[in-house]
Amino acid sequence: MTLGHDFDFEAAGRGIPAGFIGSPNDVAKLALFLASDASRYIVGQTIICDGGQTLVMPLTGDFRGRRNEKWGSRYLSSEASRTGS
């Protein structure tokens, strides 16, 4: 799928809990992690790399409709953002 030059990535990202549209690089980083020794204890899991969209889908009704929920920078508490936890 090719997006037009007028596609607003920032506006589209507001409807995603992570606050932005992911890139192929985001998926590649997950693949590299899973292929590394750092993931050696992860066995038989389904890992979803979608910025949190499937997490909130049941809460927002028809996934094709416009959502008014605000996600992104306020998704984590300011304390969690500072400490990284």
PDB file of N, CA and C in Angstrom:
ATOM      1  N   MET A   1       0.841  -1.164   0.000  1.00  0.00           N
ATOM      2  CA  MET A   1       0.000   0.000   0.000  1.00  0.00           C
ATOM      3  C   MET A   1       0.892   1.234   0.000  1.00  0.00           C
ATOM      4  N   THR A   2       0.563   2.191  -0.842  1.00  0.00           N
ATOM      5  CA  THR A   2       1.304   3.434  -0.903  1.00  0.00           C
ATOM      6  C   THR A   2       0.425   4.553  -0.370  1.00  0.00           C
ATOM      7  N   LEU A   3       0.970   5.330   0.547  1.00  0.00           N
ATOM      8  CA  LEU A   3       0.242   6.459   1.103  1.00  0.00           C
ATOM      9  C   LEU A   3       0.542   7.698   0.282  1.00  0.00           C
ATOM     10  N   GLY A   4      -0.448   8.556   0.166  1.00  0.00           N
ATOM     11  CA  GLY A   4      -0.254   9.789  -0.578  1.00  0.00           C
ATOM     12  C   GLY A   4       0.687  10.736   0.145  1.00  0.00           C
ATOM     13  N   HIS A   5       1.237  11.684  -0.587  1.00  0.00           N
ATOM     14  CA  HIS A   5       2.166  12.647  -0.004  1.00  0.00           C
ATOM     15  C   HIS A   5       1.511  13.521   1.055  1.00  0.00           C
ATOM     16  N   ASP A   6       0.176  13.570   1.066  1.00  0.00           N
ATOM     17  CA  ASP A   6      -0.539  14.392   2.037  1.00  0.00           C
ATOM     18  C   ASP A   6      -0.975  13.613   3.289  1.00  0.00           C
ATOM     19  N   PHE A   7      -0.544  12.351   3.407  1.00  0.00           N
ATOM     20  CA  PHE A   7      -0.919  11.550   4.570  1.00  0.00           C
ATOM     21  C   PHE A   7      -0.291  12.163   5.822  1.00  0.00           C
ATOM     22  N   ASP A   8      -1.086  12.364   6.862  1.00  0.00           N
ATOM     23  CA  ASP A   8      -0.620  12.986   8.100  1.00  0.00           C
ATOM     24  C   ASP A   8      -0.272  11.903   9.114  1.00  0.00           C
ATOM     25  N   PHE A   9       0.997  11.537   9.188  1.00  0.00           N
ATOM     26  CA  PHE A   9       1.452  10.484  10.095  1.00  0.00           C
ATOM     27  C   PHE A   9       1.224  10.875  11.551  1.00  0.00           C
ATOM     28  N   GLU A  10       1.439  12.131  11.876  1.00  0.00           N
ATOM     29  CA  GLU A  10       1.266  12.583  13.258  1.00  0.00           C
ATOM     30  C   GLU A  10      -0.187  12.449  13.694  1.00  0.00           C
ATOM     31  N   ALA A  11      -1.107  12.872  12.863  1.00  0.00           N
ATOM     32  CA  ALA A  11      -2.525  12.759  13.203  1.00  0.00           C
ATOM     33  C   ALA A  11      -2.942  11.298  13.301  1.00  0.00           C
ATOM     34  N   ALA A  12      -2.449  10.453  12.402  1.00  0.00           N
ATOM     35  CA  ALA A  12      -2.794   9.034  12.436  1.00  0.00           C
ATOM     36  C   ALA A  12      -2.239   8.369  13.688  1.00  0.00           C
ATOM     37  N   GLY A  13      -1.089   8.814  14.154  1.00  0.00           N
ATOM     38  CA  GLY A  13      -0.469   8.240  15.339  1.00  0.00           C
ATOM     39  C   GLY A  13      -1.197   8.561  16.630  1.00  0.00           C
ATOM     40  N   ARG A  14      -2.020   9.597  16.617  1.00  0.00           N
ATOM     41  CA  ARG A  14      -2.754   9.970  17.833  1.00  0.00           C
ATOM     42  C   ARG A  14      -3.762   8.911  18.255  1.00  0.00           C
ATOM     43  N   GLY A  15      -4.196   8.068  17.344  1.00  0.00           N
ATOM     44  CA  GLY A  15      -5.151   7.017  17.666  1.00  0.00           C
ATOM     45  C   GLY A  15      -4.508   5.727  18.126  1.00  0.00           C
ATOM     46  N   ILE A  16      -3.193   5.727  18.266  1.00  0.00           N
ATOM     47  CA  ILE A  16      -2.438   4.539  18.663  1.00  0.00           C
ATOM     48  C   ILE A  16      -1.900   4.769  20.076  1.00  0.00           C
ATOM     49  N   PRO A  17      -2.045   3.818  20.996  1.00  0.00           N
ATOM     50  CA  PRO A  17      -1.553   4.027  22.361  1.00  0.00           C
ATOM     51  C   PRO A  17      -0.087   4.453  22.456  1.00  0.00           C
ATOM     52  N   ALA A  18       0.762   3.965  21.581  1.00  0.00           N
ATOM     53  CA  ALA A  18       2.173   4.358  21.622  1.00  0.00           C
ATOM     54  C   ALA A  18       2.357   5.813  21.208  1.00  0.00           C
ATOM     55  N   GLY A  19       1.382   6.373  20.495  1.00  0.00           N
ATOM     56  CA  GLY A  19       1.426   7.771  20.103  1.00  0.00           C
ATOM     57  C   GLY A  19       2.056   8.046  18.754  1.00  0.00           C
ATOM     58  N   PHE A  20       2.433   7.003  18.035  1.00  0.00           N
ATOM     59  CA  PHE A  20       3.034   7.187  16.710  1.00  0.00           C
ATOM     60  C   PHE A  20       2.823   5.925  15.879  1.00  0.00           C
ATOM     61  N   ILE A  21       2.968   6.074  14.582  1.00  0.00           N
ATOM     62  CA  ILE A  21       2.875   4.927  13.675  1.00  0.00           C
ATOM     63  C   ILE A  21       4.236   4.247  13.652  1.00  0.00           C
ATOM     64  N   GLY A  22       4.239   2.962  13.846  1.00  0.00           N
ATOM     65  CA  GLY A  22       5.489   2.214  13.842  1.00  0.00           C
ATOM     66  C   GLY A  22       6.096   2.144  12.455  1.00  0.00           C
ATOM     67  N   SER A  23       7.366   1.828  12.429  1.00  0.00           N
ATOM     68  CA  SER A  23       8.091   1.710  11.161  1.00  0.00           C
ATOM     69  C   SER A  23       8.612   0.289  11.008  1.00  0.00           C
ATOM     70  N   PRO A  24       9.052  -0.067   9.819  1.00  0.00           N
ATOM     71  CA  PRO A  24       9.665  -1.386   9.655  1.00  0.00           C
ATOM     72  C   PRO A  24      10.847  -1.592  10.607  1.00  0.00           C
ATOM     73  N   ASN A  25      11.515  -0.515  10.965  1.00  0.00           N
ATOM     74  CA  ASN A  25      12.636  -0.598  11.897  1.00  0.00           C
ATOM     75  C   ASN A  25      12.193  -1.081  13.272  1.00  0.00           C
ATOM     76  N   ASP A  26      10.978  -0.701  13.703  1.00  0.00           N
ATOM     77  CA  ASP A  26      10.466  -1.162  14.993  1.00  0.00           C
ATOM     78  C   ASP A  26      10.286  -2.683  14.994  1.00  0.00           C
ATOM     79  N   VAL A  27       9.790  -3.220  13.907  1.00  0.00           N
ATOM     80  CA  VAL A  27       9.611  -4.669  13.792  1.00  0.00           C
ATOM     81  C   VAL A  27      10.974  -5.357  13.678  1.00  0.00           C
ATOM     82  N   ALA A  28      11.894  -4.741  12.954  1.00  0.00           N
ATOM     83  CA  ALA A  28      13.231  -5.319  12.799  1.00  0.00           C
ATOM     84  C   ALA A  28      13.948  -5.424  14.143  1.00  0.00           C
ATOM     85  N   LYS A  29      13.789  -4.409  14.998  1.00  0.00           N
ATOM     86  CA  LYS A  29      14.419  -4.454  16.321  1.00  0.00           C
ATOM     87  C   LYS A  29      13.873  -5.605  17.156  1.00  0.00           C
ATOM     88  N   LEU A  30      12.566  -5.845  17.051  1.00  0.00           N
ATOM     89  CA  LEU A  30      11.975  -6.980  17.756  1.00  0.00           C
ATOM     90  C   LEU A  30      12.536  -8.292  17.208  1.00  0.00           C
ATOM     91  N   ALA A  31      12.627  -8.400  15.886  1.00  0.00           N
ATOM     92  CA  ALA A  31      13.156  -9.623  15.273  1.00  0.00           C
ATOM     93  C   ALA A  31      14.608  -9.868  15.704  1.00  0.00           C
ATOM     94  N   LEU A  32      15.408  -8.815  15.744  1.00  0.00           N
ATOM     95  CA  LEU A  32      16.803  -8.963  16.182  1.00  0.00           C
ATOM     96  C   LEU A  32      16.882  -9.409  17.636  1.00  0.00           C
ATOM     97  N   PHE A  33      16.030  -8.836  18.474  1.00  0.00           N
ATOM     98  CA  PHE A  33      16.000  -9.252  19.871  1.00  0.00           C
ATOM     99  C   PHE A  33      15.643 -10.732  19.981  1.00  0.00           C
ATOM    100  N   LEU A  34      14.598 -11.153  19.265  1.00  0.00           N
ATOM    101  CA  LEU A  34      14.160 -12.546  19.350  1.00  0.00           C
ATOM    102  C   LEU A  34      15.200 -13.517  18.797  1.00  0.00           C
ATOM    103  N   ALA A  35      16.015 -13.042  17.873  1.00  0.00           N
ATOM    104  CA  ALA A  35      17.067 -13.893  17.303  1.00  0.00           C
ATOM    105  C   ALA A  35      18.337 -13.894  18.150  1.00  0.00           C
ATOM    106  N   SER A  36      18.384 -13.052  19.171  1.00  0.00           N
ATOM    107  CA  SER A  36      19.591 -12.932  19.990  1.00  0.00           C
ATOM    108  C   SER A  36      19.523 -13.839  21.221  1.00  0.00           C
ATOM    109  N   ASP A  37      20.643 -13.968  21.873  1.00  0.00           N
ATOM    110  CA  ASP A  37      20.701 -14.745  23.117  1.00  0.00           C
ATOM    111  C   ASP A  37      19.905 -14.091  24.237  1.00  0.00           C
ATOM    112  N   ALA A  38      19.656 -12.789  24.136  1.00  0.00           N
ATOM    113  CA  ALA A  38      18.905 -12.082  25.179  1.00  0.00           C
ATOM    114  C   ALA A  38      17.479 -12.613  25.313  1.00  0.00           C
ATOM    115  N   SER A  39      16.965 -13.256  24.276  1.00  0.00           N
ATOM    116  CA  SER A  39      15.595 -13.774  24.324  1.00  0.00           C
ATOM    117  C   SER A  39      15.556 -15.285  24.542  1.00  0.00           C
ATOM    118  N   ARG A  40      16.626 -15.866  24.993  1.00  0.00           N
ATOM    119  CA  ARG A  40      16.714 -17.331  25.073  1.00  0.00           C
ATOM    120  C   ARG A  40      15.679 -17.974  25.988  1.00  0.00           C
ATOM    121  N   TYR A  41      15.104 -17.223  26.933  1.00  0.00           N
ATOM    122  CA  TYR A  41      14.130 -17.793  27.858  1.00  0.00           C
ATOM    123  C   TYR A  41      12.695 -17.547  27.398  1.00  0.00           C
ATOM    124  N   ILE A  42      12.526 -16.907  26.277  1.00  0.00           N
ATOM    125  CA  ILE A  42      11.191 -16.679  25.721  1.00  0.00           C
ATOM    126  C   ILE A  42      10.869 -17.851  24.807  1.00  0.00           C
ATOM    127  N   VAL A  43       9.861 -18.627  25.198  1.00  0.00           N
ATOM    128  CA  VAL A  43       9.520 -19.847  24.460  1.00  0.00           C
ATOM    129  C   VAL A  43       8.014 -19.896  24.253  1.00  0.00           C
ATOM    130  N   GLY A  44       7.587 -20.148  23.026  1.00  0.00           N
ATOM    131  CA  GLY A  44       6.179 -20.385  22.743  1.00  0.00           C
ATOM    132  C   GLY A  44       5.256 -19.215  22.997  1.00  0.00           C
ATOM    133  N   GLN A  45       5.691 -18.011  22.702  1.00  0.00           N
ATOM    134  CA  GLN A  45       4.871 -16.831  22.938  1.00  0.00           C
ATOM    135  C   GLN A  45       4.441 -16.186  21.632  1.00  0.00           C
ATOM    136  N   THR A  46       3.310 -15.542  21.675  1.00  0.00           N
ATOM    137  CA  THR A  46       2.876 -14.701  20.571  1.00  0.00           C
ATOM    138  C   THR A  46       3.194 -13.274  20.978  1.00  0.00           C
ATOM    139  N   ILE A  47       4.048 -12.632  20.231  1.00  0.00           N
ATOM    140  CA  ILE A  47       4.457 -11.266  20.552  1.00  0.00           C
ATOM    141  C   ILE A  47       3.861 -10.346  19.491  1.00  0.00           C
ATOM    142  N   ILE A  48       3.054  -9.420  19.948  1.00  0.00           N
ATOM    143  CA  ILE A  48       2.365  -8.499  19.042  1.00  0.00           C
ATOM    144  C   ILE A  48       3.097  -7.163  19.065  1.00  0.00           C
ATOM    145  N   CYS A  49       3.500  -6.713  17.914  1.00  0.00           N
ATOM    146  CA  CYS A  49       4.253  -5.464  17.768  1.00  0.00           C
ATOM    147  C   CYS A  49       3.370  -4.471  17.007  1.00  0.00           C
ATOM    148  N   ASP A  50       2.435  -3.843  17.733  1.00  0.00           N
ATOM    149  CA  ASP A  50       1.473  -2.959  17.055  1.00  0.00           C
ATOM    150  C   ASP A  50       1.224  -1.642  17.789  1.00  0.00           C
ATOM    151  N   GLY A  51       2.109  -1.263  18.672  1.00  0.00           N
ATOM    152  CA  GLY A  51       1.964  -0.002  19.385  1.00  0.00           C
ATOM    153  C   GLY A  51       0.834   0.018  20.388  1.00  0.00           C
ATOM    154  N   GLY A  52       0.272  -1.147  20.706  1.00  0.00           N
ATOM    155  CA  GLY A  52      -0.806  -1.236  21.687  1.00  0.00           C
ATOM    156  C   GLY A  52      -2.202  -1.237  21.104  1.00  0.00           C
ATOM    157  N   GLN A  53      -2.310  -1.276  19.784  1.00  0.00           N
ATOM    158  CA  GLN A  53      -3.626  -1.203  19.160  1.00  0.00           C
ATOM    159  C   GLN A  53      -4.541  -2.365  19.536  1.00  0.00           C
ATOM    160  N   THR A  54      -4.040  -3.582  19.533  1.00  0.00           N
ATOM    161  CA  THR A  54      -4.913  -4.712  19.861  1.00  0.00           C
ATOM    162  C   THR A  54      -5.319  -4.697  21.327  1.00  0.00           C
ATOM    163  N   LEU A  55      -4.529  -4.077  22.167  1.00  0.00           N
ATOM    164  CA  LEU A  55      -4.861  -3.963  23.582  1.00  0.00           C
ATOM    165  C   LEU A  55      -6.117  -3.128  23.793  1.00  0.00           C
ATOM    166  N   VAL A  56      -6.270  -2.059  23.045  1.00  0.00           N
ATOM    167  CA  VAL A  56      -7.397  -1.148  23.248  1.00  0.00           C
ATOM    168  C   VAL A  56      -8.573  -1.389  22.310  1.00  0.00           C
ATOM    169  N   MET A  57      -8.413  -2.232  21.308  1.00  0.00           N
ATOM    170  CA  MET A  57      -9.503  -2.466  20.351  1.00  0.00           C
ATOM    171  C   MET A  57     -10.818  -2.858  21.023  1.00  0.00           C
ATOM    172  N   PRO A  58     -10.825  -3.768  21.996  1.00  0.00           N
ATOM    173  CA  PRO A  58     -12.100  -4.138  22.615  1.00  0.00           C
ATOM    174  C   PRO A  58     -12.758  -2.979  23.369  1.00  0.00           C
ATOM    175  N   LEU A  59     -11.967  -1.994  23.765  1.00  0.00           N
ATOM    176  CA  LEU A  59     -12.484  -0.875  24.544  1.00  0.00           C
ATOM    177  C   LEU A  59     -13.029   0.259  23.684  1.00  0.00           C
ATOM    178  N   THR A  60     -12.719   0.226  22.403  1.00  0.00           N
ATOM    179  CA  THR A  60     -13.047   1.370  21.563  1.00  0.00           C
ATOM    180  C   THR A  60     -14.116   1.087  20.515  1.00  0.00           C
ATOM    181  N   GLY A  61     -14.752  -0.071  20.580  1.00  0.00           N
ATOM    182  CA  GLY A  61     -15.816  -0.361  19.620  1.00  0.00           C
ATOM    183  C   GLY A  61     -15.284  -0.777  18.274  1.00  0.00           C
ATOM    184  N   ASP A  62     -16.004  -0.423  17.247  1.00  0.00           N
ATOM    185  CA  ASP A  62     -15.652  -0.793  15.883  1.00  0.00           C
ATOM    186  C   ASP A  62     -14.282  -0.219  15.532  1.00  0.00           C
ATOM    187  N   PHE A  63     -13.331  -1.078  15.216  1.00  0.00           N
ATOM    188  CA  PHE A  63     -11.973  -0.623  14.960  1.00  0.00           C
ATOM    189  C   PHE A  63     -11.861   0.254  13.721  1.00  0.00           C
ATOM    190  N   ARG A  64     -12.880   0.227  12.864  1.00  0.00           N
ATOM    191  CA  ARG A  64     -12.833   1.052  11.654  1.00  0.00           C
ATOM    192  C   ARG A  64     -13.294   2.482  11.914  1.00  0.00           C
ATOM    193  N   GLY A  65     -13.952   2.682  13.052  1.00  0.00           N
ATOM    194  CA  GLY A  65     -14.467   4.009  13.353  1.00  0.00           C
ATOM    195  C   GLY A  65     -13.426   4.914  13.981  1.00  0.00           C
ATOM    196  N   ARG A  66     -13.716   6.197  13.947  1.00  0.00           N
ATOM    197  CA  ARG A  66     -12.831   7.193  14.558  1.00  0.00           C
ATOM    198  C   ARG A  66     -12.893   7.066  16.078  1.00  0.00           C
ATOM    199  N   ARG A  67     -11.738   7.175  16.743  1.00  0.00           N
ATOM    200  CA  ARG A  67     -11.687   7.084  18.203  1.00  0.00           C
ATOM    201  C   ARG A  67     -11.346   8.446  18.787  1.00  0.00           C
ATOM    202  N   ASN A  68     -11.900   8.730  19.932  1.00  0.00           N
ATOM    203  CA  ASN A  68     -11.637   9.992  20.607  1.00  0.00           C
ATOM    204  C   ASN A  68     -10.697   9.848  21.795  1.00  0.00           C
ATOM    205  N   GLU A  69     -10.276   8.621  22.092  1.00  0.00           N
ATOM    206  CA  GLU A  69      -9.364   8.407  23.210  1.00  0.00           C
ATOM    207  C   GLU A  69      -8.039   9.110  22.923  1.00  0.00           C
ATOM    208  N   LYS A  70      -7.430   9.597  23.960  1.00  0.00           N
ATOM    209  CA  LYS A  70      -6.132  10.268  23.833  1.00  0.00           C
ATOM    210  C   LYS A  70      -5.051   9.324  24.341  1.00  0.00           C
ATOM    211  N   TRP A  71      -4.094   9.029  23.502  1.00  0.00           N
ATOM    212  CA  TRP A  71      -2.986   8.153  23.859  1.00  0.00           C
ATOM    213  C   TRP A  71      -1.691   8.873  23.579  1.00  0.00           C
ATOM    214  N   GLY A  72      -0.608   8.233  23.833  1.00  0.00           N
ATOM    215  CA  GLY A  72       0.690   8.796  23.473  1.00  0.00           C
ATOM    216  C   GLY A  72       1.467   9.296  24.670  1.00  0.00           C
ATOM    217  N   SER A  73       1.807  10.567  24.678  1.00  0.00           N
ATOM    218  CA  SER A  73       2.724  11.092  25.692  1.00  0.00           C
ATOM    219  C   SER A  73       2.190  10.951  27.110  1.00  0.00           C
ATOM    220  N   ARG A  74       0.916  10.895  27.302  1.00  0.00           N
ATOM    221  CA  ARG A  74       0.343  10.775  28.637  1.00  0.00           C
ATOM    222  C   ARG A  74      -0.013   9.324  28.991  1.00  0.00           C
ATOM    223  N   TYR A  75       0.407   8.384  28.156  1.00  0.00           N
ATOM    224  CA  TYR A  75       0.076   6.983  28.370  1.00  0.00           C
ATOM    225  C   TYR A  75       0.703   6.455  29.660  1.00  0.00           C
ATOM    226  N   LEU A  76       1.937   6.868  29.954  1.00  0.00           N
ATOM    227  CA  LEU A  76       2.612   6.476  31.190  1.00  0.00           C
ATOM    228  C   LEU A  76       2.576   7.648  32.163  1.00  0.00           C
ATOM    229  N   SER A  77       2.568   7.321  33.434  1.00  0.00           N
ATOM    230  CA  SER A  77       2.639   8.394  34.419  1.00  0.00           C
ATOM    231  C   SER A  77       3.970   9.102  34.297  1.00  0.00           C
ATOM    232  N   SER A  78       4.041  10.345  34.734  1.00  0.00           N
ATOM    233  CA  SER A  78       5.281  11.094  34.624  1.00  0.00           C
ATOM    234  C   SER A  78       6.391  10.431  35.450  1.00  0.00           C
ATOM    235  N   GLU A  79       6.046   9.792  36.556  1.00  0.00           N
ATOM    236  CA  GLU A  79       7.045   9.099  37.360  1.00  0.00           C
ATOM    237  C   GLU A  79       7.624   7.903  36.601  1.00  0.00           C
ATOM    238  N   ALA A  80       6.750   7.135  35.952  1.00  0.00           N
ATOM    239  CA  ALA A  80       7.222   5.980  35.180  1.00  0.00           C
ATOM    240  C   ALA A  80       8.088   6.444  34.009  1.00  0.00           C
ATOM    241  N   SER A  81       7.737   7.577  33.397  1.00  0.00           N
ATOM    242  CA  SER A  81       8.513   8.092  32.286  1.00  0.00           C
ATOM    243  C   SER A  81       9.921   8.492  32.732  1.00  0.00           C
ATOM    244  N   ARG A  82      10.023   9.077  33.924  1.00  0.00           N
ATOM    245  CA  ARG A  82      11.320   9.512  34.423  1.00  0.00           C
ATOM    246  C   ARG A  82      12.200   8.344  34.827  1.00  0.00           C
ATOM    247  N   THR A  83      11.603   7.325  35.448  1.00  0.00           N
ATOM    248  CA  THR A  83      12.387   6.208  35.972  1.00  0.00           C
ATOM    249  C   THR A  83      12.555   5.075  34.978  1.00  0.00           C
ATOM    250  N   GLY A  84      11.733   5.095  33.905  1.00  0.00           N
ATOM    251  CA  GLY A  84      11.825   4.024  32.921  1.00  0.00           C
ATOM    252  C   GLY A  84      11.145   2.751  33.344  1.00  0.00           C
ATOM    253  N   SER A  85      10.302   2.818  34.392  1.00  0.00           N
ATOM    254  CA  SER A  85       9.608   1.607  34.853  1.00  0.00           C
ATOM    255  C   SER A  85       8.141   1.657  34.521  1.00  0.00           C
TER     256      SER A  85
END
